[in-house]
Amino acid sequence: VLNVPGYSVWPLIGSIGAFLITSSSVFWWHNGFSWLFLVSFFVVLGTMFFWWRDIVNEGFLGNHTVSFNSYLQSGIILFILSEVVFFGSFFWGFFHMCWAPAEELGFCWPPYSFEEVIIDPFSVPLLNTIILLSSGVTVTACHFFILVSENNNNWFLGAVFWGVTIFLGVVFLFLQVEEYAESYLSFNSSVYGSAFFILTGFHGLHVTIGAIALSVVFFRFLTKSFSNFDHVGFEGAAWYWHFVDVVWLFLFIFVYWLGAPV
């Protein structure tokens, strides 16, 4: 029998917050800082917190049956697929500009005279690639220790690997911010700068969201609020983190490496 939880207001509030973030971002780009962006950002953060809290509480109340967990997993997969379409739209635009550069760009990519400001793909971007791929390994190792967590030692090792994953994600974000600060590119550096910062910026935002999800799961690790046979929240965070890894590989290969001047 499928147990159906009560109605939730968080999908509606989260959707409104996401819409306001995107619309206020456009206003920010054209007219300067917008307080609406800050407010909507905290609305989305609050939605994430309270929605996760409700899901965890439902699990403690015994509402998450095997069939219900399968629906949760399906929802996570559909969410990740929607993110694939989201990033796919931006990559489509980038490939169009890269493979068929317009006259305004000098019929070349990167645009003419951009050679001196393009970020070296084998400096910070390569280091960030190693860091994110390593975090994917630590997530997989953590999952292994959860599945064999008959004793506290394996559970402890799983928590350690999960904590290392969060640390690597934070280091990645720090290096990304440093890269932005030291770069001569800006969002207004023709279509190249816009495409670069939209793709890498949205990826950084998703890494931040992933790190928050990992932190929530880490707290549940410390309280042992899931088991080796029932850990849907853990799986969702791990799948999302692997998705973030794959997106970064596409960014490194096509934007940083192949998108750089020969």
C-alpha atoms as a PDB file:
ATOM      1  CA  VAL A   1       0.000   0.000   0.000  1.00  0.00           C
ATOM      2  CA  LEU A   2       1.387   3.406  -0.988  1.00  0.00           C
ATOM      3  CA  ASN A   3       1.289   5.922   1.828  1.00  0.00           C
ATOM      4  CA  VAL A   4       0.589   9.446   0.598  1.00  0.00           C
ATOM      5  CA  PRO A   5       1.869  12.217   2.916  1.00  0.00           C
ATOM      6  CA  GLY A   6      -0.136  15.358   3.535  1.00  0.00           C
ATOM      7  CA  TYR A   7      -0.129  18.332   1.222  1.00  0.00           C
ATOM      8  CA  SER A   8       3.009  20.486   1.205  1.00  0.00           C
ATOM      9  CA  VAL A   9       3.289  24.204   0.517  1.00  0.00           C
ATOM     10  CA  TRP A  10       7.045  24.078  -0.136  1.00  0.00           C
ATOM     11  CA  PRO A  11       6.932  23.253  -3.874  1.00  0.00           C
ATOM     12  CA  LEU A  12       4.839  26.383  -4.475  1.00  0.00           C
ATOM     13  CA  ILE A  13       7.009  28.627  -2.278  1.00  0.00           C
ATOM     14  CA  GLY A  14      10.195  27.202  -3.796  1.00  0.00           C
ATOM     15  CA  SER A  15       8.910  27.821  -7.320  1.00  0.00           C
ATOM     16  CA  ILE A  16       8.034  31.424  -6.491  1.00  0.00           C
ATOM     17  CA  GLY A  17      11.473  31.920  -4.922  1.00  0.00           C
ATOM     18  CA  ALA A  18      13.246  30.437  -7.952  1.00  0.00           C
ATOM     19  CA  PHE A  19      11.226  32.658 -10.311  1.00  0.00           C
ATOM     20  CA  LEU A  20      12.055  35.763  -8.272  1.00  0.00           C
ATOM     21  CA  ILE A  21      15.753  34.845  -8.210  1.00  0.00           C
ATOM     22  CA  THR A  22      15.941  34.654 -11.994  1.00  0.00           C
ATOM     23  CA  SER A  23      13.894  37.800 -12.617  1.00  0.00           C
ATOM     24  CA  SER A  24      15.740  39.848  -9.975  1.00  0.00           C
ATOM     25  CA  SER A  25      19.070  38.621 -11.391  1.00  0.00           C
ATOM     26  CA  VAL A  26      18.211  40.233 -14.729  1.00  0.00           C
ATOM     27  CA  PHE A  27      17.279  43.432 -12.893  1.00  0.00           C
ATOM     28  CA  TRP A  28      20.589  43.288 -10.993  1.00  0.00           C
ATOM     29  CA  TRP A  29      22.610  42.953 -14.208  1.00  0.00           C
ATOM     30  CA  HIS A  30      20.947  46.010 -15.735  1.00  0.00           C
ATOM     31  CA  ASN A  31      20.314  48.297 -12.758  1.00  0.00           C
ATOM     32  CA  GLY A  32      22.658  47.239  -9.981  1.00  0.00           C
ATOM     33  CA  PHE A  33      22.100  45.292  -6.771  1.00  0.00           C
ATOM     34  CA  SER A  34      18.527  44.248  -6.036  1.00  0.00           C
ATOM     35  CA  TRP A  35      17.280  43.486  -2.532  1.00  0.00           C
ATOM     36  CA  LEU A  36      14.641  41.276  -4.126  1.00  0.00           C
ATOM     37  CA  PHE A  37      17.427  38.921  -5.209  1.00  0.00           C
ATOM     38  CA  LEU A  38      18.696  38.614  -1.632  1.00  0.00           C
ATOM     39  CA  VAL A  39      15.198  38.052  -0.240  1.00  0.00           C
ATOM     40  CA  SER A  40      14.311  35.439  -2.871  1.00  0.00           C
ATOM     41  CA  PHE A  41      17.648  33.698  -2.286  1.00  0.00           C
ATOM     42  CA  PHE A  42      16.834  33.240   1.398  1.00  0.00           C
ATOM     43  CA  VAL A  43      13.311  32.129   0.464  1.00  0.00           C
ATOM     44  CA  VAL A  44      14.830  29.304  -1.600  1.00  0.00           C
ATOM     45  CA  LEU A  45      17.258  28.413   1.207  1.00  0.00           C
ATOM     46  CA  GLY A  46      14.397  28.361   3.713  1.00  0.00           C
ATOM     47  CA  THR A  47      12.325  26.192   1.385  1.00  0.00           C
ATOM     48  CA  MET A  48      15.183  23.705   1.101  1.00  0.00           C
ATOM     49  CA  PHE A  49      15.574  23.551   4.894  1.00  0.00           C
ATOM     50  CA  PHE A  50      11.903  23.163   5.802  1.00  0.00           C
ATOM     51  CA  TRP A  51      11.127  20.790   2.928  1.00  0.00           C
ATOM     52  CA  TRP A  52      14.004  18.493   3.895  1.00  0.00           C
ATOM     53  CA  ARG A  53      12.905  18.748   7.530  1.00  0.00           C
ATOM     54  CA  ASP A  54       9.390  17.616   6.644  1.00  0.00           C
ATOM     55  CA  ILE A  55      10.675  14.696   4.548  1.00  0.00           C
ATOM     56  CA  VAL A  56      12.981  13.556   7.365  1.00  0.00           C
ATOM     57  CA  ASN A  57      10.155  13.817   9.911  1.00  0.00           C
ATOM     58  CA  GLU A  58       7.869  11.770   7.649  1.00  0.00           C
ATOM     59  CA  GLY A  59      10.545   9.088   7.559  1.00  0.00           C
ATOM     60  CA  PHE A  60      10.785   9.025  11.359  1.00  0.00           C
ATOM     61  CA  LEU A  61       6.998   8.647  11.539  1.00  0.00           C
ATOM     62  CA  GLY A  62       7.208   5.546   9.351  1.00  0.00           C
ATOM     63  CA  ASN A  63       5.533   7.102   6.334  1.00  0.00           C
ATOM     64  CA  HIS A  64       8.300   6.127   3.905  1.00  0.00           C
ATOM     65  CA  THR A  65       7.463   2.640   2.709  1.00  0.00           C
ATOM     66  CA  VAL A  66       9.502   0.822   0.062  1.00  0.00           C
ATOM     67  CA  SER A  67       7.093   1.859  -2.676  1.00  0.00           C
ATOM     68  CA  PHE A  68       7.076   5.458  -1.446  1.00  0.00           C
ATOM     69  CA  ASN A  69      10.887   5.545  -1.486  1.00  0.00           C
ATOM     70  CA  SER A  70      10.814   4.440  -5.114  1.00  0.00           C
ATOM     71  CA  TYR A  71       8.642   7.469  -5.884  1.00  0.00           C
ATOM     72  CA  LEU A  72      11.127   9.708  -4.078  1.00  0.00           C
ATOM     73  CA  GLN A  73      13.944   8.242  -6.166  1.00  0.00           C
ATOM     74  CA  SER A  74      11.936   8.812  -9.340  1.00  0.00           C
ATOM     75  CA  GLY A  75      11.385  12.420  -8.316  1.00  0.00           C
ATOM     76  CA  ILE A  76      15.112  12.918  -7.744  1.00  0.00           C
ATOM     77  CA  ILE A  77      15.896  11.431 -11.160  1.00  0.00           C
ATOM     78  CA  LEU A  78      13.332  13.691 -12.856  1.00  0.00           C
ATOM     79  CA  PHE A  79      14.805  16.705 -11.060  1.00  0.00           C
ATOM     80  CA  ILE A  80      18.304  15.828 -12.287  1.00  0.00           C
ATOM     81  CA  LEU A  81      16.952  15.334 -15.819  1.00  0.00           C
ATOM     82  CA  SER A  82      15.436  18.826 -15.664  1.00  0.00           C
ATOM     83  CA  GLU A  83      18.875  20.115 -14.676  1.00  0.00           C
ATOM     84  CA  VAL A  84      20.360  18.317 -17.691  1.00  0.00           C
ATOM     85  CA  VAL A  85      17.941  20.223 -19.933  1.00  0.00           C
ATOM     86  CA  PHE A  86      18.773  23.458 -18.084  1.00  0.00           C
ATOM     87  CA  PHE A  87      22.507  23.158 -18.698  1.00  0.00           C
ATOM     88  CA  GLY A  88      21.919  21.704 -22.154  1.00  0.00           C
ATOM     89  CA  SER A  89      20.259  24.950 -23.251  1.00  0.00           C
ATOM     90  CA  PHE A  90      23.309  26.988 -22.258  1.00  0.00           C
ATOM     91  CA  PHE A  91      25.733  24.529 -23.834  1.00  0.00           C
ATOM     92  CA  TRP A  92      23.641  24.644 -27.015  1.00  0.00           C
ATOM     93  CA  GLY A  93      24.068  28.420 -27.147  1.00  0.00           C
ATOM     94  CA  PHE A  94      27.788  28.124 -26.434  1.00  0.00           C
ATOM     95  CA  PHE A  95      28.320  25.516 -29.163  1.00  0.00           C
ATOM     96  CA  HIS A  96      26.375  27.635 -31.653  1.00  0.00           C
ATOM     97  CA  MET A  97      28.636  30.626 -30.978  1.00  0.00           C
ATOM     98  CA  CYS A  98      31.777  28.497 -30.846  1.00  0.00           C
ATOM     99  CA  TRP A  99      31.256  26.417 -33.992  1.00  0.00           C
ATOM    100  CA  ALA A 100      29.622  29.142 -36.104  1.00  0.00           C
ATOM    101  CA  PRO A 101      31.084  32.460 -34.869  1.00  0.00           C
ATOM    102  CA  ALA A 102      29.399  35.563 -36.218  1.00  0.00           C
ATOM    103  CA  GLU A 103      30.978  38.443 -38.105  1.00  0.00           C
ATOM    104  CA  GLU A 104      30.918  40.585 -34.951  1.00  0.00           C
ATOM    105  CA  LEU A 105      33.304  38.060 -33.369  1.00  0.00           C
ATOM    106  CA  GLY A 106      35.688  38.174 -36.304  1.00  0.00           C
ATOM    107  CA  PHE A 107      34.503  34.774 -37.544  1.00  0.00           C
ATOM    108  CA  CYS A 108      36.724  33.162 -34.897  1.00  0.00           C
ATOM    109  CA  TRP A 109      36.389  31.692 -31.423  1.00  0.00           C
ATOM    110  CA  PRO A 110      37.390  32.942 -28.943  1.00  0.00           C
ATOM    111  CA  PRO A 111      36.682  36.415 -30.335  1.00  0.00           C
ATOM    112  CA  TYR A 112      39.546  38.292 -31.944  1.00  0.00           C
ATOM    113  CA  SER A 113      42.123  39.758 -29.480  1.00  0.00           C
ATOM    114  CA  PHE A 114      40.828  37.649 -26.557  1.00  0.00           C
ATOM    115  CA  GLU A 115      43.937  35.442 -26.486  1.00  0.00           C
ATOM    116  CA  GLU A 116      45.533  37.403 -23.638  1.00  0.00           C
ATOM    117  CA  VAL A 117      42.558  37.243 -21.269  1.00  0.00           C
ATOM    118  CA  ILE A 118      41.487  33.614 -21.737  1.00  0.00           C
ATOM    119  CA  ILE A 119      42.002  31.530 -18.586  1.00  0.00           C
ATOM    120  CA  ASP A 120      44.655  28.833 -18.932  1.00  0.00           C
ATOM    121  CA  PRO A 121      42.731  25.519 -18.802  1.00  0.00           C
ATOM    122  CA  PHE A 122      45.694  23.701 -17.250  1.00  0.00           C
ATOM    123  CA  SER A 123      45.993  25.964 -14.221  1.00  0.00           C
ATOM    124  CA  VAL A 124      43.111  26.412 -11.765  1.00  0.00           C
ATOM    125  CA  PRO A 125      40.505  24.689 -14.010  1.00  0.00           C
ATOM    126  CA  LEU A 126      42.590  21.499 -14.161  1.00  0.00           C
ATOM    127  CA  LEU A 127      43.112  21.587 -10.391  1.00  0.00           C
ATOM    128  CA  ASN A 128      39.369  22.031  -9.881  1.00  0.00           C
ATOM    129  CA  THR A 129      38.746  19.078 -12.210  1.00  0.00           C
ATOM    130  CA  ILE A 130      40.995  16.877 -10.081  1.00  0.00           C
ATOM    131  CA  ILE A 131      39.255  18.102  -6.920  1.00  0.00           C
ATOM    132  CA  LEU A 132      35.730  17.404  -8.197  1.00  0.00           C
ATOM    133  CA  LEU A 133      36.650  13.993  -9.613  1.00  0.00           C
ATOM    134  CA  SER A 134      38.254  13.141  -6.271  1.00  0.00           C
ATOM    135  CA  SER A 135      35.056  14.177  -4.497  1.00  0.00           C
ATOM    136  CA  GLY A 136      33.140  11.774  -6.746  1.00  0.00           C
ATOM    137  CA  VAL A 137      35.471   8.992  -5.609  1.00  0.00           C
ATOM    138  CA  THR A 138      34.954   9.849  -1.931  1.00  0.00           C
ATOM    139  CA  VAL A 139      31.156   9.856  -2.392  1.00  0.00           C
ATOM    140  CA  THR A 140      31.328   6.383  -3.942  1.00  0.00           C
ATOM    141  CA  ALA A 141      33.596   5.159  -1.141  1.00  0.00           C
ATOM    142  CA  CYS A 142      31.157   6.526   1.424  1.00  0.00           C
ATOM    143  CA  HIS A 143      28.273   4.690  -0.242  1.00  0.00           C
ATOM    144  CA  PHE A 144      30.253   1.464  -0.079  1.00  0.00           C
ATOM    145  CA  PHE A 145      30.869   1.844   3.659  1.00  0.00           C
ATOM    146  CA  ILE A 146      27.174   2.565   4.253  1.00  0.00           C
ATOM    147  CA  LEU A 147      26.148  -0.618   2.448  1.00  0.00           C
ATOM    148  CA  VAL A 148      28.506  -2.675   4.640  1.00  0.00           C
ATOM    149  CA  SER A 149      27.918  -0.705   7.840  1.00  0.00           C
ATOM    150  CA  GLU A 150      27.307  -3.664  10.124  1.00  0.00           C
ATOM    151  CA  ASN A 151      29.731  -2.126  12.617  1.00  0.00           C
ATOM    152  CA  ASN A 152      30.547   1.364  13.841  1.00  0.00           C
ATOM    153  CA  ASN A 153      33.971   1.403  12.164  1.00  0.00           C
ATOM    154  CA  ASN A 154      32.458   1.257   8.674  1.00  0.00           C
ATOM    155  CA  TRP A 155      29.893   3.889   9.614  1.00  0.00           C
ATOM    156  CA  PHE A 156      32.686   6.132  10.906  1.00  0.00           C
ATOM    157  CA  LEU A 157      34.703   5.660   7.708  1.00  0.00           C
ATOM    158  CA  GLY A 158      31.625   6.528   5.663  1.00  0.00           C
ATOM    159  CA  ALA A 159      31.172   9.740   7.660  1.00  0.00           C
ATOM    160  CA  VAL A 160      34.852  10.609   7.160  1.00  0.00           C
ATOM    161  CA  PHE A 161      34.655  10.167   3.384  1.00  0.00           C
ATOM    162  CA  TRP A 162      31.441  12.203   3.295  1.00  0.00           C
ATOM    163  CA  GLY A 163      33.106  14.978   5.288  1.00  0.00           C
ATOM    164  CA  VAL A 164      36.063  14.921   2.878  1.00  0.00           C
ATOM    165  CA  THR A 165      33.593  15.313  -0.001  1.00  0.00           C
ATOM    166  CA  ILE A 166      32.126  18.449   1.582  1.00  0.00           C
ATOM    167  CA  PHE A 167      35.634  19.814   2.169  1.00  0.00           C
ATOM    168  CA  LEU A 168      36.600  19.231  -1.471  1.00  0.00           C
ATOM    169  CA  GLY A 169      33.419  20.978  -2.611  1.00  0.00           C
ATOM    170  CA  VAL A 170      34.219  24.030  -0.472  1.00  0.00           C
ATOM    171  CA  VAL A 171      37.802  24.106  -1.795  1.00  0.00           C
ATOM    172  CA  PHE A 172      36.437  23.959  -5.350  1.00  0.00           C
ATOM    173  CA  LEU A 173      34.173  26.944  -4.699  1.00  0.00           C
ATOM    174  CA  PHE A 174      37.023  28.900  -3.098  1.00  0.00           C
ATOM    175  CA  LEU A 175      39.268  28.312  -6.119  1.00  0.00           C
ATOM    176  CA  GLN A 176      36.430  29.263  -8.464  1.00  0.00           C
ATOM    177  CA  VAL A 177      35.978  32.580  -6.662  1.00  0.00           C
ATOM    178  CA  GLU A 178      39.747  33.170  -6.816  1.00  0.00           C
ATOM    179  CA  GLU A 179      39.673  32.456 -10.543  1.00  0.00           C
ATOM    180  CA  TYR A 180      36.912  35.017 -11.041  1.00  0.00           C
ATOM    181  CA  ALA A 181      38.751  37.618  -8.946  1.00  0.00           C
ATOM    182  CA  GLU A 182      42.015  37.248 -10.880  1.00  0.00           C
ATOM    183  CA  SER A 183      40.452  36.991 -14.339  1.00  0.00           C
ATOM    184  CA  TYR A 184      40.452  39.911 -16.774  1.00  0.00           C
ATOM    185  CA  LEU A 185      37.149  38.670 -18.168  1.00  0.00           C
ATOM    186  CA  SER A 186      33.825  40.120 -17.099  1.00  0.00           C
ATOM    187  CA  PHE A 187      30.193  39.388 -17.833  1.00  0.00           C
ATOM    188  CA  ASN A 188      30.309  42.241 -20.357  1.00  0.00           C
ATOM    189  CA  SER A 189      33.313  40.830 -22.272  1.00  0.00           C
ATOM    190  CA  SER A 190      31.244  40.238 -25.394  1.00  0.00           C
ATOM    191  CA  VAL A 191      29.259  37.046 -25.848  1.00  0.00           C
ATOM    192  CA  TYR A 192      32.289  35.011 -24.740  1.00  0.00           C
ATOM    193  CA  GLY A 193      32.317  36.546 -21.263  1.00  0.00           C
ATOM    194  CA  SER A 194      28.548  36.185 -20.935  1.00  0.00           C
ATOM    195  CA  ALA A 195      28.608  32.512 -21.943  1.00  0.00           C
ATOM    196  CA  PHE A 196      31.609  31.783 -19.724  1.00  0.00           C
ATOM    197  CA  PHE A 197      30.182  33.327 -16.568  1.00  0.00           C
ATOM    198  CA  ILE A 198      26.661  31.981 -17.111  1.00  0.00           C
ATOM    199  CA  LEU A 199      27.914  28.402 -17.531  1.00  0.00           C
ATOM    200  CA  THR A 200      30.555  28.433 -14.792  1.00  0.00           C
ATOM    201  CA  GLY A 201      28.448  30.621 -12.498  1.00  0.00           C
ATOM    202  CA  PHE A 202      25.384  28.396 -12.647  1.00  0.00           C
ATOM    203  CA  HIS A 203      27.617  25.380 -12.131  1.00  0.00           C
ATOM    204  CA  GLY A 204      29.108  27.055  -9.062  1.00  0.00           C
ATOM    205  CA  LEU A 205      25.580  27.718  -7.791  1.00  0.00           C
ATOM    206  CA  HIS A 206      24.730  24.040  -8.218  1.00  0.00           C
ATOM    207  CA  VAL A 207      27.927  23.031  -6.414  1.00  0.00           C
ATOM    208  CA  THR A 208      26.824  25.296  -3.555  1.00  0.00           C
ATOM    209  CA  ILE A 209      23.379  23.658  -3.479  1.00  0.00           C
ATOM    210  CA  GLY A 210      25.044  20.241  -3.606  1.00  0.00           C
ATOM    211  CA  ALA A 211      27.360  21.162  -0.728  1.00  0.00           C
ATOM    212  CA  ILE A 212      24.338  22.230   1.344  1.00  0.00           C
ATOM    213  CA  ALA A 213      22.629  18.906   0.584  1.00  0.00           C
ATOM    214  CA  LEU A 214      25.820  17.053   1.521  1.00  0.00           C
ATOM    215  CA  SER A 215      25.959  18.983   4.811  1.00  0.00           C
ATOM    216  CA  VAL A 216      22.377  18.003   5.644  1.00  0.00           C
ATOM    217  CA  VAL A 217      23.204  14.352   4.984  1.00  0.00           C
ATOM    218  CA  PHE A 218      26.392  14.689   7.060  1.00  0.00           C
ATOM    219  CA  PHE A 219      24.313  15.878  10.014  1.00  0.00           C
ATOM    220  CA  ARG A 220      22.096  12.822   9.557  1.00  0.00           C
ATOM    221  CA  PHE A 221      25.271  10.749   9.486  1.00  0.00           C
ATOM    222  CA  LEU A 222      26.251  12.048  12.904  1.00  0.00           C
ATOM    223  CA  THR A 223      22.780  11.312  14.300  1.00  0.00           C
ATOM    224  CA  LYS A 224      22.576   7.925  12.508  1.00  0.00           C
ATOM    225  CA  SER A 225      19.130   8.774  11.187  1.00  0.00           C
ATOM    226  CA  PHE A 226      19.342   6.406   8.206  1.00  0.00           C
ATOM    227  CA  SER A 227      20.494   2.836   7.705  1.00  0.00           C
ATOM    228  CA  ASN A 228      22.352   0.674   5.204  1.00  0.00           C
ATOM    229  CA  PHE A 229      19.049  -0.424   3.608  1.00  0.00           C
ATOM    230  CA  ASP A 230      17.095   2.866   3.794  1.00  0.00           C
ATOM    231  CA  HIS A 231      19.065   5.971   2.780  1.00  0.00           C
ATOM    232  CA  VAL A 232      17.173   7.650  -0.045  1.00  0.00           C
ATOM    233  CA  GLY A 233      18.309  11.115   1.036  1.00  0.00           C
ATOM    234  CA  PHE A 234      21.923  10.013   0.874  1.00  0.00           C
ATOM    235  CA  GLU A 235      21.435   8.525  -2.589  1.00  0.00           C
ATOM    236  CA  GLY A 236      19.757  11.692  -3.853  1.00  0.00           C
ATOM    237  CA  ALA A 237      22.620  13.888  -2.653  1.00  0.00           C
ATOM    238  CA  ALA A 238      25.189  11.472  -4.116  1.00  0.00           C
ATOM    239  CA  TRP A 239      23.436  11.330  -7.511  1.00  0.00           C
ATOM    240  CA  TYR A 240      23.219  15.107  -7.609  1.00  0.00           C
ATOM    241  CA  TRP A 241      26.920  15.423  -6.762  1.00  0.00           C
ATOM    242  CA  HIS A 242      27.866  13.024  -9.565  1.00  0.00           C
ATOM    243  CA  PHE A 243      25.730  15.110 -11.921  1.00  0.00           C
ATOM    244  CA  VAL A 244      27.648  18.233 -10.859  1.00  0.00           C
ATOM    245  CA  ASP A 245      30.897  16.351 -11.601  1.00  0.00           C
ATOM    246  CA  VAL A 246      29.756  15.456 -15.119  1.00  0.00           C
ATOM    247  CA  VAL A 247      28.692  19.040 -15.873  1.00  0.00           C
ATOM    248  CA  TRP A 248      32.112  20.270 -14.785  1.00  0.00           C
ATOM    249  CA  LEU A 249      33.824  17.760 -17.094  1.00  0.00           C
ATOM    250  CA  PHE A 250      31.837  19.214 -20.003  1.00  0.00           C
ATOM    251  CA  LEU A 251      32.796  22.719 -18.890  1.00  0.00           C
ATOM    252  CA  PHE A 252      36.480  21.864 -18.626  1.00  0.00           C
ATOM    253  CA  ILE A 253      36.638  20.065 -21.972  1.00  0.00           C
ATOM    254  CA  PHE A 254      34.485  22.334 -24.138  1.00  0.00           C
ATOM    255  CA  VAL A 255      34.708  25.768 -22.475  1.00  0.00           C
ATOM    256  CA  TYR A 256      38.150  25.893 -20.865  1.00  0.00           C
ATOM    257  CA  TRP A 257      40.155  23.518 -23.066  1.00  0.00           C
ATOM    258  CA  LEU A 258      38.651  23.242 -26.568  1.00  0.00           C
ATOM    259  CA  GLY A 259      37.157  26.731 -26.266  1.00  0.00           C
ATOM    260  CA  ALA A 260      40.593  28.267 -25.692  1.00  0.00           C
ATOM    261  CA  PRO A 261      42.727  29.599 -28.574  1.00  0.00           C
ATOM    262  CA  VAL A 262      44.894  27.001 -30.321  1.00  0.00           C
END
